[in-house]
């Protein structure tokens, strides 16, 4: 994946200013910055959900924003997860899985187990706590084994034991050659998880060590 000179302007304000970096197979990238620093905007661009003012994101040389297509190899949790309130956690994932029919019911349950949500899989989403909703959001990003996994504030409201379990899953995905991108307000959440960390401030992005 190549992020090349991404610039975003909105109502005369620069949200992102010529952001560039390259991610290779097995890279695990952290993005740290306060609210409004541009993290979520960049993640949406990387998913093909939002077109930049200028610049491009390339997957295997293809600019999906230019073609107005979703990136097929990417799954994401960006901002707050949103599911059908009257369906259970399992039913919501099952419904999503039927779009491409890539995974079995067994694999859906295995994914729920991997985020510590298997015991609540039959509970209606409307009755989920904040942490349970976050876990379901992470599960939908993981369940079809995508090549690129993008997670925006994934640990919000999740208890420590489940955070550790999810981190172990992400480390395993990295060892399988997946690209992992995690955004957070807090450096502490990223330091033990990511190989490289970029800091967002006033539209500019730099290596955390810079």
Foldseek 3Di string as FASTA:
>chain_A
DWWFQFWADDPRATLAGGDTDDDFFLAEEEEAEDPSLNPLVVVCLLQLNDDTPDTADDDVHDGCVVVSDGDPQFFEDGDFDDFDQAFFLLVRLVVVCVVPVQDDSVLLLVLCVLQPNNVRRRPGNNPDDSQNRLSSSQSSRPRNLGQEYYYEQSRVPHDPVSLVSVLVVLNVSSVVGHYYYYYDNDPVSPPVRGPWYWYGDSNYIDTPVD
